[in-house]
Amino acid sequence: STSLRDPLIIAYASIGFGLLLWYADVKGKRLRQINSINLRDAIIIGLAQALALIPGTSRSGITMTAALMLGLERSSAARFSFLMAVPIILAAGGYESLKLIQSNASVDMANFIITALLSAISAFLAIHLFMKFVEKIGMLPFVVYRVLLGIVLVVMFI
């Protein structure tokens, strides 16, 4: 199949980029903190993020992989990866909110605002816990998950 949505492409990307994350986690020097990121680093990590256009590639996973390869410590790699997502998430949320407001649908604004606020709080809490987890345990659980997912897809679709 020539489609990038082919389950085998997703499987191989999941396995390949999972193994690349493991390599970066093991071989990365982890000497640098987030405040040491320069323009060159940001461009490299941003270009790596473009690989997430390949189905089966995790946007946060590939940006953390690039950051680890550039020598960032785990928590700094995770923090920068999540910070890179903030503008896109805000833009998408703003766009969808604008569409909702402009539609003829009846919107309970109080519930809408409470839901958005609770979503933001839970996202920040999840990111905080993720960074603590990654700093202590490393990327291996995520590597195992991606490789196993890829293997299951290969078995299912071959």
Protein backbone atom coordinates (compact mmCIF):
# COMPACT_ATOMS: atom_id res chain seq x y z
CA SER A 1 0.00 0.00 0.00
CA THR A 2 1.19 3.54 -0.76
CA SER A 3 -0.84 5.10 2.03
CA LEU A 4 0.99 6.36 5.10
CA ARG A 5 -2.05 5.24 7.09
CA ASP A 6 -1.13 1.62 6.39
CA PRO A 7 -1.09 -0.24 9.74
CA LEU A 8 2.33 -1.69 8.93
CA ILE A 9 3.83 1.78 8.46
CA ILE A 10 2.35 2.74 11.82
CA ALA A 11 3.77 -0.47 13.34
CA TYR A 12 7.27 0.01 11.93
CA ALA A 13 7.33 3.71 12.86
CA SER A 14 6.24 2.86 16.38
CA ILE A 15 8.96 0.23 16.73
CA GLY A 16 11.67 2.26 14.99
CA PHE A 17 11.08 5.51 16.82
CA GLY A 18 10.60 3.60 20.09
CA LEU A 19 14.04 2.02 19.66
CA LEU A 20 15.49 5.41 18.71
CA LEU A 21 14.06 6.85 21.95
CA TRP A 22 15.72 4.01 23.89
CA TYR A 23 19.05 4.69 22.13
CA ALA A 24 18.82 8.42 22.89
CA ASP A 25 17.93 7.73 26.52
CA VAL A 26 20.85 5.32 26.97
CA LYS A 27 23.48 7.20 24.93
CA GLY A 28 22.43 10.80 25.63
CA LYS A 29 24.83 12.59 27.97
CA ARG A 30 22.02 14.18 30.04
CA LEU A 31 24.33 16.99 31.11
CA ARG A 32 22.36 19.97 29.85
CA GLN A 33 19.33 21.71 31.30
CA ILE A 34 16.53 23.47 29.47
CA ASN A 35 18.14 26.90 29.89
CA SER A 36 21.08 25.75 27.76
CA ILE A 37 18.93 25.25 24.65
CA ASN A 38 20.13 27.53 21.86
CA LEU A 39 18.69 28.38 18.45
CA ARG A 40 20.48 25.46 16.77
CA ASP A 41 19.02 23.01 19.33
CA ALA A 42 15.52 24.46 18.92
CA ILE A 43 15.72 24.15 15.13
CA ILE A 44 16.92 20.53 15.34
CA ILE A 45 14.19 19.61 17.82
CA GLY A 46 11.62 21.45 15.69
CA LEU A 47 12.73 19.58 12.57
CA ALA A 48 12.49 16.31 14.49
CA GLN A 49 8.94 17.28 15.42
CA ALA A 50 8.08 17.28 11.71
CA LEU A 51 8.71 13.51 11.73
CA ALA A 52 5.49 13.20 13.74
CA LEU A 53 3.70 13.62 10.41
CA ILE A 54 4.54 9.95 9.90
CA PRO A 55 1.71 7.95 11.50
CA GLY A 56 3.00 5.92 14.43
CA THR A 57 5.46 8.62 15.41
CA SER A 58 4.79 10.32 18.72
CA ARG A 59 5.29 14.09 18.55
CA SER A 60 6.41 14.30 22.15
CA GLY A 61 8.45 11.12 21.82
CA ILE A 62 10.41 12.32 18.80
CA THR A 63 11.08 15.76 20.30
CA MET A 64 12.28 14.17 23.54
CA THR A 65 14.45 11.81 21.49
CA ALA A 66 16.08 14.75 19.69
CA ALA A 67 16.57 16.67 22.94
CA LEU A 68 18.16 13.65 24.62
CA MET A 69 20.47 13.18 21.63
CA LEU A 70 21.50 16.82 22.05
CA GLY A 71 22.56 16.04 25.62
CA LEU A 72 19.61 17.39 27.60
CA GLU A 73 18.68 15.73 30.85
CA ARG A 74 15.43 13.78 30.83
CA SER A 75 13.26 16.31 32.67
CA SER A 76 14.54 19.17 30.48
CA ALA A 77 13.87 17.16 27.32
CA ALA A 78 10.32 16.42 28.52
CA ARG A 79 9.71 20.00 29.65
CA PHE A 80 10.86 21.46 26.32
CA SER A 81 8.80 18.91 24.39
CA PHE A 82 5.66 19.86 26.29
CA LEU A 83 6.40 23.58 26.01
CA MET A 84 6.62 23.17 22.23
CA ALA A 85 3.05 21.84 22.24
CA VAL A 86 1.53 24.76 24.15
CA PRO A 87 1.15 27.21 21.21
CA ILE A 88 -0.46 24.57 19.00
CA ILE A 89 -2.82 23.40 21.74
CA LEU A 90 -3.84 26.98 22.54
CA ALA A 91 -4.35 27.79 18.85
CA ALA A 92 -6.42 24.64 18.26
CA GLY A 93 -8.47 25.25 21.41
CA GLY A 94 -9.01 28.89 20.47
CA TYR A 95 -10.03 27.97 16.93
CA GLU A 96 -12.51 25.33 18.09
CA SER A 97 -13.87 27.70 20.76
CA LEU A 98 -14.38 30.41 18.15
CA LYS A 99 -16.19 27.95 15.86
CA LEU A 100 -18.42 26.91 18.76
CA ILE A 101 -19.21 30.49 19.73
CA GLN A 102 -20.00 31.41 16.10
CA SER A 103 -22.26 28.40 15.63
CA ASN A 104 -25.94 28.45 16.40
CA ALA A 105 -25.46 25.87 19.13
CA SER A 106 -26.57 26.67 22.62
CA VAL A 107 -23.45 26.87 24.80
CA ASP A 108 -23.41 26.88 28.59
CA MET A 109 -20.42 29.20 28.98
CA ALA A 110 -19.98 28.46 32.69
CA ASN A 111 -19.64 24.73 31.99
CA PHE A 112 -17.42 25.46 29.00
CA ILE A 113 -15.02 27.58 31.08
CA ILE A 114 -15.02 25.13 34.01
CA THR A 115 -14.31 22.24 31.64
CA ALA A 116 -11.46 24.11 29.96
CA LEU A 117 -9.99 25.07 33.34
CA LEU A 118 -10.20 21.51 34.70
CA SER A 119 -8.65 20.18 31.49
CA ALA A 120 -5.74 22.59 31.82
CA ILE A 121 -5.19 21.71 35.49
CA SER A 122 -5.26 17.96 34.81
CA ALA A 123 -2.88 18.40 31.85
CA PHE A 124 -0.38 20.33 33.98
CA LEU A 125 -0.65 17.73 36.74
CA ALA A 126 -0.12 14.87 34.26
CA ILE A 127 2.92 16.63 32.78
CA HIS A 128 4.35 17.29 36.24
CA LEU A 129 3.94 13.64 37.24
CA PHE A 130 5.29 12.45 33.87
CA MET A 131 8.48 14.51 34.31
CA LYS A 132 9.06 13.12 37.81
CA PHE A 133 8.44 9.59 36.52
CA VAL A 134 10.81 10.04 33.55
CA GLU A 135 13.56 11.47 35.74
CA LYS A 136 13.46 8.46 38.08
CA ILE A 137 12.62 5.59 35.73
CA GLY A 138 13.77 6.80 32.31
CA MET A 139 12.17 6.17 28.95
CA LEU A 140 12.26 2.35 29.01
CA PRO A 141 8.54 1.84 29.89
CA PHE A 142 7.55 3.99 26.90
CA VAL A 143 10.02 2.19 24.65
CA VAL A 144 8.58 -1.18 25.70
CA TYR A 145 5.04 0.07 25.10
CA ARG A 146 5.88 1.38 21.59
CA VAL A 147 7.75 -1.77 20.57
CA LEU A 148 5.00 -4.07 21.89
CA LEU A 149 2.34 -1.97 20.16
CA GLY A 150 4.30 -2.19 16.91
CA ILE A 151 4.71 -5.97 17.24
CA VAL A 152 0.97 -6.42 17.90
CA LEU A 153 0.18 -4.36 14.79
CA VAL A 154 2.62 -6.36 12.68
CA VAL A 155 1.09 -9.64 13.86
CA MET A 156 -2.42 -8.37 13.23
CA PHE A 157 -1.81 -7.01 9.74
CA ILE A 158 0.70 -9.36 8.14
